Amino acid sequence: MKLPELPWMFLPSTSTPMFFEPVTRCLHKIWLPAALKSGMLCGSSGPWIFISLGYPERQFILYNLCNGEKRGRIDLPVTILNKEGMIHNVWVEMAALSRPPSTAEYTVAAVVRIGESLVHTIATWESNEDHWTEIGTVEDGVFDMLFYQGSFHFLTSSEDLIRLVPEGLSFRMESYHVKFRSSKPIDDYYEAQETGYILRRYLVESTAGHLLFAVKCTHGSRKTFDIKLLRLSVDDAGQARWAHYKNTMDEMIYLGQASSVSCVSQGEPTIHFLDDRMVKSEAEADHYYRRDMGGLQPHVLQVGWYGYRTPNEESRFSYRAPDDIGATDVPTPVWCKPQSGGSTTD
């Protein structure tokens, strides 16, 4: 079958990996090598997805969903050369591409953990290298990353930005202290009512080329009900701030860690997302990531001092996968945007 130009959500599973198409709300099975089915997805770019595997041996793979195992697999290193010249094992948390691997020169940037450390380290890899190269550490952690206008950008837990700047044969980190922080007013607003709110943060490029910062709010086992959209604005003095972004009338935004994209709207302008939250199973035993995806339509949302809020059920819709993959053992879906003309299903 022909793949659409709009993004699909790739739903990993050790049993039956699937694509979910949010506009028609249809599911399609996808063939994936058995050895890759248990991998954690770490990001995507077009038809390319990043897969981390820890068993039976540690692997990190860049895989093309259209071209498959023979023509679309690139094995990336699982070791890093740190700044002291020592080689260590790494675990990749998220990754992004500078351009498709079919081009002559491309770079992969990633957020990794070195050895047993829980500290986030930013690293890069070129196709002629045997190891990742350490660029620097981010003590307060990284929420999301995006290749935007020729540079890799990282969103920190303090809602500042880090950009990778070429320096010689490598890169250096350039930090941007962003004046306005969304978390303070949002956290204050929610904490004043009750505890248990879960905030997810994403970077995405708008169809007009703006760098957007999205905050998605969920509470416990309830559906997502708030999405705050902010735009990076830099004044003449070079001061960066997050400004409210309301120009969503002509675009569809798809939110996912290291995989967010926007497209010109082909219908109702919508923000699509995955309710990436933990809820109890029916047996009240284990927790799992619930496959309860949905969307908000910004043009019917009320705009308050803290952002967009759902005024009624008409502006919020849900869709979920069948029950047999609802309690998946691989809870790391990503958006992917395969090239037109590709075929991935059986």
Protein backbone atom coordinates (compact mmCIF):
# COMPACT_ATOMS: atom_id res chain seq x y z
CA MET A 1 0.00 0.00 0.00
CA LYS A 2 1.06 3.58 -0.55
CA LEU A 3 2.12 5.56 2.48
CA PRO A 4 0.48 8.94 3.08
CA GLU A 5 2.40 12.18 3.29
CA LEU A 6 1.00 13.02 6.73
CA PRO A 7 2.81 11.53 9.75
CA TRP A 8 1.82 8.19 11.18
CA MET A 9 2.42 7.00 14.72
CA PHE A 10 4.64 3.95 14.79
CA LEU A 11 3.46 1.69 17.63
CA PRO A 12 6.21 -0.74 18.64
CA SER A 13 5.43 -4.14 20.11
CA THR A 14 7.29 -7.41 20.58
CA SER A 15 4.31 -9.20 19.02
CA THR A 16 2.65 -6.98 16.39
CA PRO A 17 4.22 -3.61 15.51
CA MET A 18 1.72 -1.29 13.83
CA PHE A 19 1.25 2.07 12.18
CA PHE A 20 -1.60 4.27 13.37
CA GLU A 21 -2.95 6.89 10.97
CA PRO A 22 -4.61 9.61 13.09
CA VAL A 23 -6.73 11.29 10.41
CA THR A 24 -8.64 8.16 9.37
CA ARG A 25 -7.92 6.48 12.74
CA CYS A 26 -6.86 3.26 11.03
CA LEU A 27 -4.26 0.69 12.08
CA HIS A 28 -1.89 -1.15 9.74
CA LYS A 29 0.48 -3.97 10.64
CA ILE A 30 4.13 -3.47 9.76
CA TRP A 31 6.85 -6.05 9.25
CA LEU A 32 9.89 -5.56 11.45
CA PRO A 33 12.83 -7.93 12.02
CA ALA A 34 12.17 -10.02 15.13
CA ALA A 35 15.41 -8.87 16.73
CA LEU A 36 14.29 -5.23 16.57
CA LYS A 37 10.75 -5.61 17.92
CA SER A 38 11.78 -5.26 21.57
CA GLY A 39 13.82 -2.12 20.96
CA MET A 40 13.01 1.26 22.51
CA LEU A 41 12.36 4.01 19.96
CA CYS A 42 14.51 7.10 20.51
CA GLY A 43 13.39 9.46 17.75
CA SER A 44 12.68 9.68 14.04
CA SER A 45 13.24 11.67 10.88
CA GLY A 46 11.01 10.94 7.90
CA PRO A 47 11.05 7.14 7.39
CA TRP A 48 14.12 6.72 9.63
CA ILE A 49 13.68 5.64 13.26
CA PHE A 50 16.26 5.21 16.04
CA ILE A 51 16.08 1.95 18.00
CA SER A 52 17.95 1.13 21.25
CA LEU A 53 18.32 -2.53 22.20
CA GLY A 54 19.71 -3.85 25.48
CA TYR A 55 19.26 -7.61 25.02
CA PRO A 56 20.89 -9.99 24.17
CA GLU A 57 23.54 -7.37 23.49
CA ARG A 58 23.49 -3.59 23.47
CA GLN A 59 22.78 -2.15 20.02
CA PHE A 60 21.75 1.20 18.60
CA ILE A 61 20.26 1.17 15.11
CA LEU A 62 19.03 3.68 12.57
CA TYR A 63 16.36 1.88 10.57
CA ASN A 64 14.43 2.88 7.45
CA LEU A 65 10.83 1.65 7.65
CA CYS A 66 10.44 1.80 3.87
CA ASN A 67 13.68 0.14 2.75
CA GLY A 68 13.93 -2.54 5.42
CA GLU A 69 16.78 -4.67 6.70
CA LYS A 70 18.86 -4.96 3.53
CA ARG A 71 18.96 -1.35 2.35
CA GLY A 72 17.76 0.63 5.34
CA ARG A 73 19.77 -0.37 8.40
CA ILE A 74 22.71 1.53 9.88
CA ASP A 75 24.37 0.19 13.03
CA LEU A 76 25.54 3.04 15.24
CA PRO A 77 28.15 2.83 18.02
CA VAL A 78 27.32 1.92 21.62
CA THR A 79 30.54 3.43 22.94
CA ILE A 80 31.67 7.02 23.40
CA LEU A 81 35.00 8.83 23.39
CA ASN A 82 34.79 11.21 26.34
CA LYS A 83 36.71 14.45 26.76
CA GLU A 84 39.47 12.67 28.70
CA GLY A 85 40.10 10.37 25.74
CA MET A 86 38.56 7.32 27.43
CA ILE A 87 36.12 4.88 25.82
CA HIS A 88 32.92 4.07 27.73
CA ASN A 89 29.64 2.28 27.01
CA VAL A 90 26.57 4.45 26.46
CA TRP A 91 22.79 4.13 26.47
CA VAL A 92 20.99 6.40 24.00
CA GLU A 93 17.92 8.25 25.35
CA MET A 94 16.98 10.20 22.20
CA ALA A 95 18.55 11.08 18.86
CA ALA A 96 18.08 13.22 15.75
CA LEU A 97 19.43 13.41 12.19
CA SER A 98 20.86 16.47 10.45
CA ARG A 99 19.79 15.14 7.04
CA PRO A 100 18.83 11.80 5.44
CA PRO A 101 21.61 9.17 5.48
CA SER A 102 21.27 8.85 1.71
CA THR A 103 23.15 12.16 1.42
CA ALA A 104 26.94 12.27 1.40
CA GLU A 105 27.38 14.01 4.75
CA TYR A 106 25.08 13.72 7.74
CA THR A 107 25.41 13.96 11.50
CA VAL A 108 23.57 12.19 14.29
CA ALA A 109 23.24 14.00 17.63
CA ALA A 110 22.00 12.22 20.72
CA VAL A 111 21.29 12.49 24.42
CA VAL A 112 23.10 9.60 26.09
CA ARG A 113 23.95 8.21 29.52
CA ILE A 114 27.57 7.16 29.96
CA GLY A 115 28.12 3.92 31.86
CA GLU A 116 25.93 3.82 34.97
CA SER A 117 25.58 7.60 35.17
CA LEU A 118 22.10 9.15 35.16
CA VAL A 119 23.44 12.49 33.89
CA HIS A 120 22.46 13.45 30.35
CA THR A 121 25.38 13.90 27.96
CA ILE A 122 25.10 15.40 24.48
CA ALA A 123 27.09 13.48 21.87
CA THR A 124 27.51 13.42 18.09
CA TRP A 125 28.46 10.81 15.51
CA GLU A 126 29.68 11.02 11.90
CA SER A 127 29.46 8.10 9.49
CA ASN A 128 33.24 7.56 9.46
CA GLU A 129 33.60 7.32 13.25
CA ASP A 130 33.81 4.24 15.49
CA HIS A 131 32.53 5.97 18.63
CA TRP A 132 30.24 8.77 19.73
CA THR A 133 32.03 12.01 20.60
CA GLU A 134 31.16 13.70 23.89
CA ILE A 135 30.20 17.35 23.46
CA GLY A 136 29.14 18.17 27.02
CA THR A 137 26.86 17.30 29.92
CA VAL A 138 23.49 18.80 30.86
CA GLU A 139 23.19 18.55 34.63
CA ASP A 140 19.50 19.49 34.78
CA GLY A 141 18.53 17.04 32.03
CA VAL A 142 17.04 17.24 28.53
CA PHE A 143 13.32 17.03 27.77
CA ASP A 144 13.47 17.00 23.97
CA MET A 145 15.66 17.67 20.95
CA LEU A 146 15.15 18.85 17.37
CA PHE A 147 17.24 19.60 14.29
CA TYR A 148 16.06 23.11 13.44
CA GLN A 149 17.33 25.49 10.75
CA GLY A 150 20.70 23.81 10.36
CA SER A 151 21.46 23.19 14.05
CA PHE A 152 20.65 20.66 16.75
CA HIS A 153 18.57 22.19 19.56
CA PHE A 154 17.97 20.72 23.03
CA LEU A 155 15.27 21.73 25.51
CA THR A 156 16.49 21.51 29.11
CA SER A 157 14.39 20.87 32.20
CA SER A 158 14.73 24.57 33.07
CA GLU A 159 13.18 25.33 29.66
CA ASP A 160 16.35 26.90 28.34
CA LEU A 161 17.81 25.95 24.95
CA ILE A 162 21.15 24.46 24.00
CA ARG A 163 22.33 24.69 20.40
CA LEU A 164 25.25 22.80 18.88
CA VAL A 165 27.65 25.13 17.05
CA PRO A 166 30.37 23.74 14.72
CA GLU A 167 33.87 24.21 16.12
CA GLY A 168 36.77 22.76 14.17
CA LEU A 169 36.03 19.11 13.46
CA SER A 170 33.47 18.88 16.26
CA PHE A 171 30.83 21.01 18.02
CA ARG A 172 30.44 23.11 21.13
CA MET A 173 27.33 23.75 23.20
CA GLU A 174 25.86 27.25 23.11
CA SER A 175 23.28 27.88 25.85
CA TYR A 176 20.36 30.28 25.60
CA HIS A 177 18.82 31.47 28.83
CA VAL A 178 15.15 31.98 27.95
CA LYS A 179 13.62 34.81 29.96
CA PHE A 180 10.00 33.61 30.21
CA ARG A 181 9.45 30.16 31.64
CA SER A 182 6.15 28.39 31.12
CA SER A 183 6.52 25.93 33.98
CA LYS A 184 6.24 28.45 36.80
CA PRO A 185 2.75 29.79 36.02
CA ILE A 186 1.51 26.37 34.88
CA ASP A 187 2.88 24.59 37.95
CA ASP A 188 1.47 27.25 40.28
CA TYR A 189 -1.94 27.06 38.62
CA TYR A 190 -2.24 23.30 38.84
CA GLU A 191 -0.69 22.89 42.29
CA ALA A 192 -3.20 25.37 43.68
CA GLN A 193 -5.98 22.92 42.77
CA GLU A 194 -4.62 19.43 43.39
CA THR A 195 -1.52 17.32 42.91
CA GLY A 196 -0.86 14.61 40.34
CA TYR A 197 -0.48 16.65 37.17
CA ILE A 198 1.94 15.36 34.55
CA LEU A 199 3.60 17.84 32.19
CA ARG A 200 5.29 16.74 28.95
CA ARG A 201 7.40 19.16 26.94
CA TYR A 202 8.29 19.07 23.24
CA LEU A 203 10.11 21.06 20.55
CA VAL A 204 8.59 21.32 17.07
CA GLU A 205 9.11 23.50 14.00
CA SER A 206 5.95 25.22 12.78
CA THR A 207 4.96 25.23 9.13
CA ALA A 208 6.06 28.89 9.02
CA GLY A 209 9.52 28.03 10.37
CA HIS A 210 9.07 29.12 14.00
CA LEU A 211 10.66 27.13 16.81
CA LEU A 212 7.76 26.06 19.03
CA PHE A 213 7.73 24.74 22.57
CA ALA A 214 4.67 22.69 23.52
CA VAL A 215 3.60 21.76 27.05
CA LYS A 216 1.03 18.97 27.33
CA CYS A 217 -0.81 18.47 30.61
CA THR A 218 -2.40 15.24 31.84
CA HIS A 219 -3.67 14.31 35.27
CA GLY A 220 -3.39 10.75 36.55
CA SER A 221 -5.44 8.40 34.40
CA ARG A 222 -7.53 11.15 32.82
CA LYS A 223 -7.15 12.38 29.27
CA THR A 224 -4.90 15.23 28.18
CA PHE A 225 -6.84 18.45 28.62
CA ASP A 226 -4.34 21.31 28.19
CA ILE A 227 -1.70 22.09 25.59
CA LYS A 228 0.30 25.28 25.83
CA LEU A 229 2.06 26.45 22.65
CA LEU A 230 4.94 28.92 22.85
CA ARG A 231 7.18 30.42 20.17
CA LEU A 232 10.84 31.32 20.56
CA SER A 233 11.23 35.07 20.17
CA VAL A 234 14.57 36.90 20.20
CA ASP A 235 14.64 40.71 20.48
CA ASP A 236 17.20 43.13 19.03
CA ALA A 237 19.30 42.87 22.19
CA GLY A 238 19.52 39.10 21.77
CA GLN A 239 17.23 38.30 24.71
CA ALA A 240 15.29 35.09 24.09
CA ARG A 241 11.85 34.43 25.52
CA TRP A 242 8.97 32.02 25.06
CA ALA A 243 6.00 33.96 23.67
CA HIS A 244 2.45 32.66 23.30
CA TYR A 245 1.82 31.10 19.89
CA LYS A 246 -1.73 31.26 18.57
CA ASN A 247 -1.27 30.95 14.81
CA THR A 248 -2.40 27.33 14.50
CA MET A 249 -5.19 27.87 11.99
CA ASP A 250 -3.27 26.50 9.00
CA GLU A 251 -1.35 23.59 10.49
CA MET A 252 -1.51 20.18 12.09
CA ILE A 253 1.01 19.58 14.87
CA TYR A 254 2.13 16.11 15.94
CA LEU A 255 3.81 15.91 19.37
CA GLY A 256 6.27 13.17 20.32
CA GLN A 257 9.71 13.07 21.90
CA ALA A 258 12.43 13.62 19.27
CA SER A 259 9.81 13.08 16.56
CA SER A 260 7.48 16.12 16.58
CA VAL A 261 6.50 17.57 13.20
CA SER A 262 4.01 20.01 11.74
CA CYS A 263 2.18 19.93 8.42
CA VAL A 264 -0.08 22.25 6.48
CA SER A 265 -3.62 21.38 7.50
CA GLN A 266 -5.60 19.15 5.15
CA GLY A 267 -8.71 19.44 7.29
CA GLU A 268 -9.42 20.70 10.78
CA PRO A 269 -6.32 22.28 12.36
CA THR A 270 -5.37 19.86 15.12
CA ILE A 271 -2.68 19.09 17.67
CA HIS A 272 -2.17 15.31 17.71
CA PHE A 273 -0.47 13.58 20.62
CA LEU A 274 -0.03 10.39 22.58
CA ASP A 275 -1.27 10.26 26.17
CA ASP A 276 2.08 8.98 27.37
CA ARG A 277 1.12 8.21 30.95
CA MET A 278 1.11 5.30 33.34
CA VAL A 279 -2.20 3.80 34.45
CA LYS A 280 -3.02 0.63 36.37
CA SER A 281 -4.11 -2.53 34.67
CA GLU A 282 -7.53 -4.03 35.43
CA ALA A 283 -5.90 -6.30 37.99
CA GLU A 284 -4.56 -3.23 39.82
CA ALA A 285 -1.14 -4.85 39.64
CA ASP A 286 1.32 -3.52 37.11
CA HIS A 287 1.41 -0.16 35.41
CA TYR A 288 1.70 0.26 31.67
CA TYR A 289 1.72 3.03 29.13
CA ARG A 290 -1.80 3.42 27.85
CA ARG A 291 -2.36 3.54 24.10
CA ASP A 292 -4.89 6.35 24.33
CA MET A 293 -3.99 8.86 21.66
CA GLY A 294 -5.97 11.95 20.85
CA GLY A 295 -6.08 15.49 19.58
CA LEU A 296 -7.10 19.04 20.37
CA GLN A 297 -8.42 21.55 17.88
CA PRO A 298 -6.86 24.92 18.80
CA HIS A 299 -9.33 27.09 16.91
CA VAL A 300 -12.09 26.16 19.37
CA LEU A 301 -9.94 26.34 22.48
CA GLN A 302 -10.21 29.10 25.01
CA VAL A 303 -7.03 31.11 25.53
CA GLY A 304 -6.29 31.91 29.16
CA TRP A 305 -3.35 33.52 30.87
CA TYR A 306 -1.58 30.18 31.06
CA GLY A 307 -2.34 28.81 27.58
CA TYR A 308 -4.87 26.68 25.72
CA ARG A 309 -7.50 24.80 27.70
CA THR A 310 -10.24 22.45 26.58
CA PRO A 311 -13.61 24.16 27.18
CA ASN A 312 -15.75 21.18 26.18
CA GLU A 313 -15.61 17.65 24.80
CA GLU A 314 -16.13 18.80 21.22
CA SER A 315 -12.60 20.19 21.06
CA ARG A 316 -10.97 17.01 22.41
CA PHE A 317 -11.16 13.66 20.66
CA SER A 318 -9.63 10.30 21.49
CA TYR A 319 -8.61 7.20 19.64
CA ARG A 320 -6.83 4.15 20.86
CA ALA A 321 -5.37 0.99 19.47
CA PRO A 322 -7.07 -2.40 19.96
CA ASP A 323 -6.84 -3.94 23.40
CA ASP A 324 -4.34 -6.57 22.31
CA ILE A 325 -1.66 -3.91 21.88
CA GLY A 326 -3.04 -1.48 24.43
CA ALA A 327 -0.84 -2.77 27.23
CA THR A 328 2.31 -2.92 25.16
CA ASP A 329 5.65 -4.02 26.52
CA VAL A 330 7.46 -1.43 24.36
CA PRO A 331 5.95 1.93 25.41
CA THR A 332 7.96 4.25 23.14
CA PRO A 333 5.96 5.22 20.04
CA VAL A 334 7.21 7.91 17.65
CA TRP A 335 5.79 9.87 14.75
CA CYS A 336 7.32 9.04 11.39
CA LYS A 337 6.80 10.58 7.99
CA PRO A 338 7.70 8.01 5.35
CA GLN A 339 8.48 9.16 1.84
CA SER A 340 5.63 8.88 -0.61
CA GLY A 341 5.85 5.79 -2.76
CA GLY A 342 7.31 3.63 -0.02
CA SER A 343 5.71 0.43 1.16
CA THR A 344 6.07 -0.98 4.66
CA THR A 345 3.12 -3.23 5.34
CA ASP A 346 2.57 -6.87 4.57
